[in-house]
């Protein structure tokens, strides 16, 4: 058997049912592994080993009595620090936040707690989740910077930075992130794990706002589906939620390669704007396309559909929204926000109402363009990011607040169009850094996206073993 911290959700469920393992044994093993790795990785916050072991003991009793709550009962999980859990503050990655304990669990946390999952810790994020990195003014106060397990000099990506690093490092099988422009898929790609952005509204969330979704980061598509079966359960606190559907998440694990036969696959190699795609990443995309075609898929090129006007308009709107939030802070707290963020929003003070309205209108323009462009295909495959992991100390791949969005040209459109989209490991750069393949499907067809991702796991080239930190 693999090390306990490396076991998948399905493997743990089988071992618990057979009385081969106890949730307490697993929780203790994962906590010990985290204690060894955290001095280097620095992916977590608010770790509460005592509370986790109390939860694990409760799960152990349920399994012994045959009263387990399902496959997630006793399975270790981490949650991004912007997902509220009762009694724990939400720093939101920034030193400017007042640390007030949350009054209740947010919907995703409530579902995981009800399922009996063992909540180990929160995972780190950058200030307000507005960076694709682990750089955070809150965690900097304690001399902490989240790093990538594949290369500790590299960034894990973000904004679900700690979640991506924790998944790759083996902090248990399940990790919860959020995504408004790529914040699940980017760290998944750069950390070599699976990261799923479900259709907007599929996972109830609080607070909801434009483009925001919660979703899993795991090592396998099967674990992602098992987690989604829990996260997608209804919660009336989210007024933007989809009507609940008992989707066949359990069918994802058994998805055969044969389902790719006749599948219409669009290959998006050019986003239309942003950073150029690195040669290693372009080669990995073409290798994936050839593998789909060899499996019987009908592969065609998807032409660029996003324009610079769309990207710049959305960037302008986001800068304005963040500037308004930061301007509302008391002066002393405003000064604690990461300088990169302050520099990014500074120009918004001079934006006119007409500029802001035009920026907001680009969400609609991009949504229409993404939906129309992908309508001719069953799924679209593309890079997740045009570049591989970048230096740990940088805020973005460009490290330039005036070019802050240049790396999200492949991910952003499918947040705006509300389509389900997953990052699946598909290879490595010449330097040994992971590359992610993005697979996107029609709005609300989350099951097809995950089933295709599971089929791709079976046809891709063998992956390297996850890194073992020294």
Protein backbone atom coordinates (compact mmCIF):
# COMPACT_ATOMS: atom_id res chain seq x y z
CA UNK A 1 0.00 0.00 0.00
CA UNK A 2 1.14 3.56 -0.71
CA UNK A 3 1.94 5.92 2.16
CA UNK A 4 -1.29 6.82 3.97
CA UNK A 5 -1.02 10.49 3.02
CA UNK A 6 -0.90 9.52 -0.67
CA UNK A 7 -4.04 7.36 -0.72
CA UNK A 8 -7.01 8.50 -2.78
CA UNK A 9 -10.53 9.00 -1.49
CA UNK A 10 -11.71 5.78 -3.13
CA UNK A 11 -8.77 3.82 -1.67
CA UNK A 12 -9.45 5.19 1.80
CA UNK A 13 -13.14 4.35 1.56
CA UNK A 14 -12.37 0.75 0.63
CA UNK A 15 -9.79 0.43 3.41
CA UNK A 16 -12.19 1.90 6.00
CA UNK A 17 -14.97 -0.44 4.93
CA UNK A 18 -12.64 -3.46 5.15
CA UNK A 19 -11.37 -2.33 8.58
CA UNK A 20 -7.84 -2.24 7.14
CA UNK A 21 -7.40 1.41 8.10
CA UNK A 22 -8.90 3.79 10.61
CA UNK A 23 -9.67 7.47 9.93
CA UNK A 24 -7.60 8.22 13.03
CA UNK A 25 -4.56 6.40 11.61
CA UNK A 26 -4.90 8.32 8.36
CA UNK A 27 -5.41 11.72 10.01
CA UNK A 28 -2.36 11.17 12.21
CA UNK A 29 -0.26 10.11 9.21
CA UNK A 30 -1.32 13.10 7.12
CA UNK A 31 -0.74 15.53 10.00
CA UNK A 32 2.74 14.07 10.56
CA UNK A 33 3.51 14.40 6.84
CA UNK A 34 2.32 18.01 6.87
CA UNK A 35 4.52 18.75 9.90
CA UNK A 36 7.54 17.48 7.94
CA UNK A 37 6.74 19.46 4.79
CA UNK A 38 5.28 22.73 6.05
CA UNK A 39 8.56 24.39 7.07
CA UNK A 40 9.47 24.31 3.36
CA UNK A 41 6.09 24.44 1.60
CA UNK A 42 4.14 26.86 3.84
CA UNK A 43 0.81 26.00 2.20
CA UNK A 44 -1.52 26.06 5.20
CA UNK A 45 -2.97 28.36 7.82
CA UNK A 46 -5.06 27.70 10.95
CA UNK A 47 -4.09 24.06 11.13
CA UNK A 48 -5.91 22.49 14.08
CA UNK A 49 -4.58 18.98 14.68
CA UNK A 50 -6.60 18.46 17.84
CA UNK A 51 -9.91 19.33 16.17
CA UNK A 52 -9.01 17.16 13.16
CA UNK A 53 -8.37 14.16 15.39
CA UNK A 54 -11.69 14.69 17.17
CA UNK A 55 -13.42 14.57 13.78
CA UNK A 56 -11.41 11.48 12.80
CA UNK A 57 -12.43 9.67 16.00
CA UNK A 58 -16.05 10.42 15.29
CA UNK A 59 -15.65 9.00 11.80
CA UNK A 60 -13.90 5.91 13.16
CA UNK A 61 -16.90 5.20 15.39
CA UNK A 62 -19.33 5.61 12.49
CA UNK A 63 -17.37 3.21 10.27
CA UNK A 64 -17.22 0.62 13.06
CA UNK A 65 -20.99 0.86 13.52
CA UNK A 66 -21.70 0.79 9.79
CA UNK A 67 -23.17 4.29 10.07
CA UNK A 68 -20.68 6.08 7.83
CA UNK A 69 -22.04 9.09 5.95
CA UNK A 70 -20.60 8.11 2.61
CA UNK A 71 -17.29 7.80 0.82
CA UNK A 72 -15.94 11.12 2.17
CA UNK A 73 -16.42 10.11 5.80
CA UNK A 74 -13.01 10.18 7.49
CA UNK A 75 -11.19 11.52 4.43
CA UNK A 76 -8.76 14.42 5.09
CA UNK A 77 -9.57 17.72 3.40
CA UNK A 78 -8.21 21.26 3.32
CA UNK A 79 -10.18 24.40 2.48
CA UNK A 80 -8.97 27.65 0.95
CA UNK A 81 -8.86 30.37 3.57
CA UNK A 82 -11.68 32.38 1.93
CA UNK A 83 -14.14 29.52 2.57
CA UNK A 84 -15.73 30.26 5.95
CA UNK A 85 -15.72 27.69 8.71
CA UNK A 86 -17.44 28.58 11.93
CA UNK A 87 -15.16 30.02 14.58
CA UNK A 88 -12.22 30.64 12.23
CA UNK A 89 -11.36 34.10 10.81
CA UNK A 90 -11.01 34.73 7.08
CA UNK A 91 -7.79 36.65 6.38
CA UNK A 92 -8.43 36.60 2.61
CA UNK A 93 -4.67 36.59 2.17
CA UNK A 94 -4.26 40.21 3.21
CA UNK A 95 -2.86 41.86 6.32
CA UNK A 96 -5.57 44.51 5.88
CA UNK A 97 -8.30 42.13 7.06
CA UNK A 98 -9.69 42.28 10.60
CA UNK A 99 -9.59 38.75 11.99
CA UNK A 100 -13.18 38.16 13.07
CA UNK A 101 -14.26 34.53 13.61
CA UNK A 102 -16.82 33.35 11.04
CA UNK A 103 -20.31 32.82 12.43
CA UNK A 104 -21.11 29.81 10.25
CA UNK A 105 -19.77 27.40 7.67
CA UNK A 106 -20.01 28.56 4.07
CA UNK A 107 -22.01 26.12 1.91
CA UNK A 108 -19.01 24.07 0.65
CA UNK A 109 -17.62 23.73 4.18
CA UNK A 110 -21.06 22.78 5.51
CA UNK A 111 -21.41 19.99 2.94
CA UNK A 112 -17.95 18.59 3.72
CA UNK A 113 -18.62 18.69 7.46
CA UNK A 114 -21.97 16.92 6.97
CA UNK A 115 -20.21 14.25 4.89
CA UNK A 116 -17.81 13.52 7.75
CA UNK A 117 -14.68 14.75 5.98
CA UNK A 118 -11.83 15.54 8.38
CA UNK A 119 -10.97 19.24 8.07
CA UNK A 120 -7.25 19.64 8.67
CA UNK A 121 -6.46 23.26 7.87
CA UNK A 122 -7.08 26.24 5.67
CA UNK A 123 -4.82 26.77 2.65
CA UNK A 124 -3.12 30.01 1.70
CA UNK A 125 -4.10 32.58 -0.90
CA UNK A 126 -2.82 36.00 -2.06
CA UNK A 127 -4.42 39.32 -1.12
CA UNK A 128 -8.17 39.13 -1.87
CA UNK A 129 -7.49 36.27 -4.29
CA UNK A 130 -6.52 38.80 -6.96
CA UNK A 131 -3.14 37.25 -7.87
CA UNK A 132 -2.15 34.04 -9.62
CA UNK A 133 0.48 33.32 -6.99
CA UNK A 134 1.05 32.57 -3.32
CA UNK A 135 2.31 36.07 -2.54
CA UNK A 136 0.34 37.38 0.44
CA UNK A 137 0.74 40.36 2.75
CA UNK A 138 -1.00 38.41 5.52
CA UNK A 139 1.35 35.43 5.39
CA UNK A 140 4.40 37.64 4.79
CA UNK A 141 3.90 39.00 8.31
CA UNK A 142 4.96 35.58 9.59
CA UNK A 143 7.80 35.17 7.10
CA UNK A 144 5.81 32.65 5.07
CA UNK A 145 5.61 32.25 1.30
CA UNK A 146 3.85 29.27 -0.30
CA UNK A 147 6.07 27.35 -2.70
CA UNK A 148 5.71 24.72 -5.41
CA UNK A 149 6.57 21.12 -4.32
CA UNK A 150 8.12 20.37 -7.73
CA UNK A 151 10.65 23.18 -7.27
CA UNK A 152 10.73 25.18 -4.06
CA UNK A 153 12.11 28.17 -5.96
CA UNK A 154 8.90 28.26 -8.02
CA UNK A 155 5.41 29.57 -7.40
CA UNK A 156 2.46 27.18 -6.95
CA UNK A 157 0.17 29.62 -8.77
CA UNK A 158 -3.02 31.04 -7.36
CA UNK A 159 -5.15 32.25 -6.10
CA UNK A 160 -5.77 28.74 -4.67
CA UNK A 161 -2.05 28.65 -4.00
CA UNK A 162 -1.91 26.54 -0.86
CA UNK A 163 -4.52 24.14 -2.21
CA UNK A 164 -2.46 23.36 -5.31
CA UNK A 165 0.73 22.92 -3.31
CA UNK A 166 -1.04 20.79 -0.68
CA UNK A 167 -2.55 18.48 -3.31
CA UNK A 168 0.81 17.92 -5.01
CA UNK A 169 2.61 17.41 -1.69
CA UNK A 170 0.14 14.79 -0.46
CA UNK A 171 -1.64 16.64 2.34
CA UNK A 172 -4.45 14.11 1.95
CA UNK A 173 -6.55 13.61 -1.20
CA UNK A 174 -9.08 16.47 -1.16
CA UNK A 175 -8.55 20.22 -1.38
CA UNK A 176 -11.10 22.98 -1.96
CA UNK A 177 -10.34 26.11 -3.98
CA UNK A 178 -12.17 28.98 -5.65
CA UNK A 179 -11.87 30.41 -9.16
CA UNK A 180 -12.89 33.70 -10.83
CA UNK A 181 -10.35 33.81 -13.66
CA UNK A 182 -8.32 30.62 -13.36
CA UNK A 183 -7.62 30.40 -9.63
CA UNK A 184 -8.27 26.63 -9.42
CA UNK A 185 -6.95 25.55 -12.82
CA UNK A 186 -3.73 27.61 -12.78
CA UNK A 187 -2.30 26.19 -9.53
CA UNK A 188 -3.53 22.75 -10.61
CA UNK A 189 -1.55 23.04 -13.85
CA UNK A 190 1.59 24.44 -12.24
CA UNK A 191 1.48 21.89 -9.39
CA UNK A 192 0.62 18.87 -11.57
CA UNK A 193 -2.79 18.03 -10.11
CA UNK A 194 -6.42 17.99 -11.25
CA UNK A 195 -8.34 21.23 -10.74
CA UNK A 196 -12.02 21.55 -11.65
CA UNK A 197 -13.98 24.75 -12.17
CA UNK A 198 -17.60 23.57 -12.29
CA UNK A 199 -20.43 25.36 -14.07
CA UNK A 200 -21.30 28.54 -12.23
CA UNK A 201 -23.94 27.79 -9.62
CA UNK A 202 -23.22 24.04 -9.53
CA UNK A 203 -21.55 24.40 -6.12
CA UNK A 204 -23.49 26.75 -3.82
CA UNK A 205 -21.18 29.38 -2.35
CA UNK A 206 -21.36 32.35 0.00
CA UNK A 207 -20.77 35.11 -0.74
CA UNK A 208 -21.47 34.74 -4.47
CA UNK A 209 -20.25 37.33 -6.96
CA UNK A 210 -19.55 37.65 -10.65
CA UNK A 211 -17.66 34.62 -11.94
CA UNK A 212 -16.86 33.07 -8.56
CA UNK A 213 -17.05 29.29 -8.18
CA UNK A 214 -15.71 26.76 -5.70
CA UNK A 215 -14.27 23.43 -6.79
CA UNK A 216 -11.85 20.58 -6.05
CA UNK A 217 -8.11 20.22 -6.44
CA UNK A 218 -7.12 16.55 -6.24
CA UNK A 219 -4.65 14.11 -7.77
CA UNK A 220 -7.23 12.18 -9.79
CA UNK A 221 -10.38 12.92 -11.75
CA UNK A 222 -12.18 10.22 -9.76
CA UNK A 223 -11.50 12.07 -6.49
CA UNK A 224 -12.70 15.30 -8.08
CA UNK A 225 -16.00 13.64 -9.01
CA UNK A 226 -16.43 12.14 -5.54
CA UNK A 227 -15.87 15.55 -3.99
CA UNK A 228 -18.29 17.18 -6.45
CA UNK A 229 -21.06 14.78 -5.44
CA UNK A 230 -20.81 16.33 -1.98
CA UNK A 231 -20.12 19.96 -2.90
CA UNK A 232 -22.99 20.18 -5.39
CA UNK A 233 -25.69 19.37 -2.83
CA UNK A 234 -28.21 22.21 -2.44
CA UNK A 235 -27.92 25.21 -0.12
CA UNK A 236 -30.56 27.94 -0.18
CA UNK A 237 -28.12 30.59 1.06
CA UNK A 238 -26.77 31.03 -2.48
CA UNK A 239 -29.33 32.88 -4.57
CA UNK A 240 -27.21 32.24 -7.71
CA UNK A 241 -27.21 28.45 -7.34
CA UNK A 242 -28.41 26.13 -10.09
CA UNK A 243 -31.45 23.95 -9.36
CA UNK A 244 -30.07 20.84 -7.70
CA UNK A 245 -29.59 17.81 -9.96
CA UNK A 246 -28.46 14.40 -8.68
CA UNK A 247 -25.91 14.06 -11.46
CA UNK A 248 -24.18 10.68 -12.01
CA UNK A 249 -20.83 11.67 -10.48
CA UNK A 250 -20.17 8.00 -9.75
CA UNK A 251 -19.98 7.24 -13.48
CA UNK A 252 -16.89 9.39 -13.94
CA UNK A 253 -14.43 6.82 -12.53
CA UNK A 254 -15.52 4.13 -15.00
CA UNK A 255 -15.47 6.38 -18.08
CA UNK A 256 -13.88 4.27 -20.86
CA UNK A 257 -11.48 5.45 -23.54
CA UNK A 258 -14.15 4.37 -26.05
CA UNK A 259 -16.28 7.38 -25.19
CA UNK A 260 -13.75 9.49 -27.11
CA UNK A 261 -14.69 7.79 -30.38
CA UNK A 262 -16.56 10.32 -32.50
CA UNK A 263 -16.18 13.07 -29.88
CA UNK A 264 -15.79 16.49 -31.49
CA UNK A 265 -12.69 18.07 -29.94
CA UNK A 266 -11.71 21.67 -30.62
CA UNK A 267 -8.04 22.51 -30.14
CA UNK A 268 -7.44 26.08 -28.98
CA UNK A 269 -3.75 26.80 -29.41
CA UNK A 270 -4.04 30.60 -29.70
CA UNK A 271 -6.07 32.60 -27.20
CA UNK A 272 -6.03 35.78 -29.30
CA UNK A 273 -4.18 37.87 -26.70
CA UNK A 274 -1.82 37.50 -23.76
CA UNK A 275 1.58 35.90 -23.38
CA UNK A 276 2.82 33.64 -26.18
CA UNK A 277 2.60 29.92 -25.48
CA UNK A 278 5.92 28.34 -24.48
CA UNK A 279 7.23 25.70 -26.88
CA UNK A 280 7.03 22.88 -24.31
CA UNK A 281 3.40 23.71 -23.56
CA UNK A 282 2.47 23.98 -27.24
CA UNK A 283 4.07 20.57 -27.83
CA UNK A 284 2.15 19.05 -24.91
CA UNK A 285 -1.12 20.38 -26.34
CA UNK A 286 -0.40 18.92 -29.77
CA UNK A 287 0.56 15.59 -28.20
CA UNK A 288 -2.80 15.55 -26.35
CA UNK A 289 -4.63 16.37 -29.60
CA UNK A 290 -2.90 13.47 -31.37
CA UNK A 291 -3.84 11.11 -28.55
CA UNK A 292 -7.49 12.19 -28.73
CA UNK A 293 -7.43 11.65 -32.49
CA UNK A 294 -5.81 8.23 -32.11
CA UNK A 295 -8.62 7.29 -29.72
CA UNK A 296 -11.18 8.09 -32.42
CA UNK A 297 -12.04 11.71 -31.65
CA UNK A 298 -12.77 14.17 -34.45
CA UNK A 299 -10.20 16.90 -33.86
CA UNK A 300 -10.40 20.42 -35.30
CA UNK A 301 -8.80 23.79 -34.69
CA UNK A 302 -10.68 26.39 -32.64
CA UNK A 303 -9.81 29.86 -33.88
CA UNK A 304 -9.12 32.70 -31.38
CA UNK A 305 -12.30 34.33 -30.13
CA UNK A 306 -11.15 36.68 -27.36
CA UNK A 307 -10.04 40.22 -28.19
CA UNK A 308 -7.75 42.66 -26.47
CA UNK A 309 -10.74 44.96 -25.97
CA UNK A 310 -12.54 42.26 -23.97
CA UNK A 311 -9.48 41.55 -21.82
CA UNK A 312 -8.71 45.20 -21.16
CA UNK A 313 -12.33 45.99 -20.36
CA UNK A 314 -12.60 43.20 -17.80
CA UNK A 315 -9.26 44.19 -16.31
CA UNK A 316 -10.49 47.78 -15.97
CA UNK A 317 -13.68 46.67 -14.26
CA UNK A 318 -11.83 44.39 -11.81
CA UNK A 319 -9.35 47.17 -10.99
CA UNK A 320 -12.24 49.51 -10.27
CA UNK A 321 -14.05 47.04 -8.04
CA UNK A 322 -10.88 46.31 -6.07
CA UNK A 323 -9.99 50.00 -5.83
CA UNK A 324 -13.41 50.75 -4.33
CA UNK A 325 -12.94 47.97 -1.77
CA UNK A 326 -9.44 49.13 -0.83
CA UNK A 327 -10.36 52.83 -0.77
CA UNK A 328 -13.09 52.04 1.77
CA UNK A 329 -10.51 50.71 4.25
CA UNK A 330 -9.13 52.93 7.04
CA UNK A 331 -5.82 54.50 6.03
CA UNK A 332 -3.67 52.29 8.24
CA UNK A 333 -5.27 49.10 6.93
CA UNK A 334 -5.14 50.26 3.32
CA UNK A 335 -1.37 50.61 3.67
CA UNK A 336 -1.11 46.93 4.61
CA UNK A 337 -2.46 45.66 1.27
CA UNK A 338 0.25 44.13 -0.90
CA UNK A 339 1.97 46.94 -2.89
CA UNK A 340 1.47 45.04 -6.17
CA UNK A 341 -2.30 45.11 -5.60
CA UNK A 342 -2.26 48.80 -4.69
CA UNK A 343 -0.28 49.58 -7.85
CA UNK A 344 -2.68 47.49 -9.96
CA UNK A 345 -5.78 49.34 -8.74
CA UNK A 346 -4.28 52.86 -8.53
CA UNK A 347 -5.33 54.00 -12.01
CA UNK A 348 -8.98 53.21 -11.24
CA UNK A 349 -9.28 56.50 -9.36
CA UNK A 350 -9.27 58.26 -12.72
CA UNK A 351 -11.58 55.93 -14.65
CA UNK A 352 -14.83 57.50 -15.85
CA UNK A 353 -18.27 55.97 -15.44
CA UNK A 354 -18.35 55.39 -19.20
CA UNK A 355 -15.06 53.47 -19.07
CA UNK A 356 -16.26 51.31 -16.20
CA UNK A 357 -19.57 50.58 -17.91
CA UNK A 358 -17.76 49.66 -21.12
CA UNK A 359 -15.47 47.39 -19.11
CA UNK A 360 -18.43 45.65 -17.53
CA UNK A 361 -20.04 45.21 -20.96
CA UNK A 362 -17.03 43.14 -22.05
CA UNK A 363 -18.15 40.32 -19.77
CA UNK A 364 -21.19 39.92 -21.99
CA UNK A 365 -19.14 40.22 -25.16
CA UNK A 366 -16.70 37.56 -24.00
CA UNK A 367 -19.46 35.27 -22.77
CA UNK A 368 -21.17 35.38 -26.16
CA UNK A 369 -17.88 34.83 -28.00
CA UNK A 370 -16.81 31.87 -25.87
CA UNK A 371 -20.20 30.17 -26.11
CA UNK A 372 -20.42 30.66 -29.87
CA UNK A 373 -16.85 29.54 -30.54
CA UNK A 374 -17.12 26.32 -28.54
CA UNK A 375 -20.62 25.39 -29.74
CA UNK A 376 -19.26 23.43 -32.71
CA UNK A 377 -17.43 21.01 -30.40
CA UNK A 378 -18.29 18.60 -27.61
CA UNK A 379 -15.21 19.72 -25.69
CA UNK A 380 -12.40 22.20 -26.21
CA UNK A 381 -8.81 21.45 -25.21
CA UNK A 382 -6.19 24.13 -24.68
CA UNK A 383 -3.28 25.06 -22.46
CA UNK A 384 -4.27 26.13 -18.96
CA UNK A 385 -1.51 28.73 -18.96
CA UNK A 386 0.88 29.83 -21.69
CA UNK A 387 3.88 29.55 -19.36
CA UNK A 388 5.12 27.19 -16.66
CA UNK A 389 5.64 27.95 -12.98
CA UNK A 390 7.47 31.22 -12.28
CA UNK A 391 9.62 32.46 -9.37
CA UNK A 392 8.07 32.00 -5.94
CA UNK A 393 8.54 35.64 -4.99
CA UNK A 394 6.66 37.02 -8.01
CA UNK A 395 3.04 38.16 -7.91
CA UNK A 396 2.29 37.11 -11.50
CA UNK A 397 4.12 35.48 -14.43
CA UNK A 398 4.88 38.99 -15.75
CA UNK A 399 5.41 40.42 -12.23
CA UNK A 400 4.06 43.67 -13.69
CA UNK A 401 0.81 45.21 -12.33
CA UNK A 402 0.20 46.86 -15.71
CA UNK A 403 0.29 43.43 -17.41
CA UNK A 404 -1.38 41.46 -14.65
CA UNK A 405 -3.80 39.42 -16.78
CA UNK A 406 -1.55 38.32 -19.64
CA UNK A 407 -1.42 34.70 -18.45
CA UNK A 408 -5.19 34.04 -18.05
CA UNK A 409 -6.24 34.29 -21.69
CA UNK A 410 -7.12 30.56 -21.81
CA UNK A 411 -8.88 30.33 -18.44
CA UNK A 412 -10.80 33.61 -18.09
CA UNK A 413 -13.23 33.08 -21.01
CA UNK A 414 -14.75 29.99 -19.41
CA UNK A 415 -15.35 31.73 -16.10
CA UNK A 416 -17.22 34.42 -17.97
CA UNK A 417 -19.17 31.92 -20.09
CA UNK A 418 -19.89 29.81 -16.96
CA UNK A 419 -18.73 26.61 -18.69
CA UNK A 420 -17.25 23.68 -16.74
CA UNK A 421 -13.50 23.47 -17.22
CA UNK A 422 -10.84 21.18 -15.76
CA UNK A 423 -7.05 21.13 -15.68
CA UNK A 424 -5.55 17.65 -16.03
CA UNK A 425 -1.80 16.92 -15.89
CA UNK A 426 -0.53 16.15 -19.39
CA UNK A 427 3.25 16.33 -19.28
CA UNK A 428 6.34 18.21 -18.16
CA UNK A 429 8.61 20.93 -19.42
CA UNK A 430 12.25 20.27 -20.22
CA UNK A 431 13.00 21.63 -16.75
CA UNK A 432 10.70 19.04 -15.16
CA UNK A 433 7.82 21.36 -14.28
CA UNK A 434 4.22 20.14 -14.72
CA UNK A 435 1.99 21.13 -17.64
CA UNK A 436 -1.81 21.12 -17.45
CA UNK A 437 -4.30 20.44 -20.25
CA UNK A 438 -7.56 22.39 -19.99
CA UNK A 439 -10.71 20.52 -21.05
CA UNK A 440 -13.89 22.60 -21.32
CA UNK A 441 -17.43 21.58 -22.19
CA UNK A 442 -20.89 23.08 -22.66
CA UNK A 443 -22.44 25.03 -19.83
CA UNK A 444 -23.96 22.74 -17.17
CA UNK A 445 -22.47 19.57 -18.72
CA UNK A 446 -20.01 18.99 -15.87
CA UNK A 447 -20.28 15.22 -16.14
CA UNK A 448 -19.11 15.07 -19.75
CA UNK A 449 -16.10 17.26 -18.97
CA UNK A 450 -15.03 15.00 -16.12
CA UNK A 451 -15.70 11.80 -18.06
CA UNK A 452 -13.55 13.07 -20.94
CA UNK A 453 -10.87 14.09 -18.44
CA UNK A 454 -10.97 10.58 -16.95
CA UNK A 455 -10.63 9.05 -20.41
CA UNK A 456 -7.68 11.34 -21.09
CA UNK A 457 -5.97 10.11 -17.92
CA UNK A 458 -5.96 6.68 -19.56
CA UNK A 459 -4.41 7.75 -22.87
CA UNK A 460 -1.84 10.35 -21.81
CA UNK A 461 1.84 9.51 -21.45
CA UNK A 462 2.86 8.18 -18.02
CA UNK A 463 3.45 10.91 -15.46
CA UNK A 464 6.35 11.28 -13.08
CA UNK A 465 5.93 10.45 -9.42
CA UNK A 466 4.95 13.33 -7.19
CA UNK A 467 7.92 15.03 -5.54
CA UNK A 468 9.11 14.02 -2.09
CA UNK A 469 10.27 17.03 -0.14
CA UNK A 470 13.69 16.60 1.51
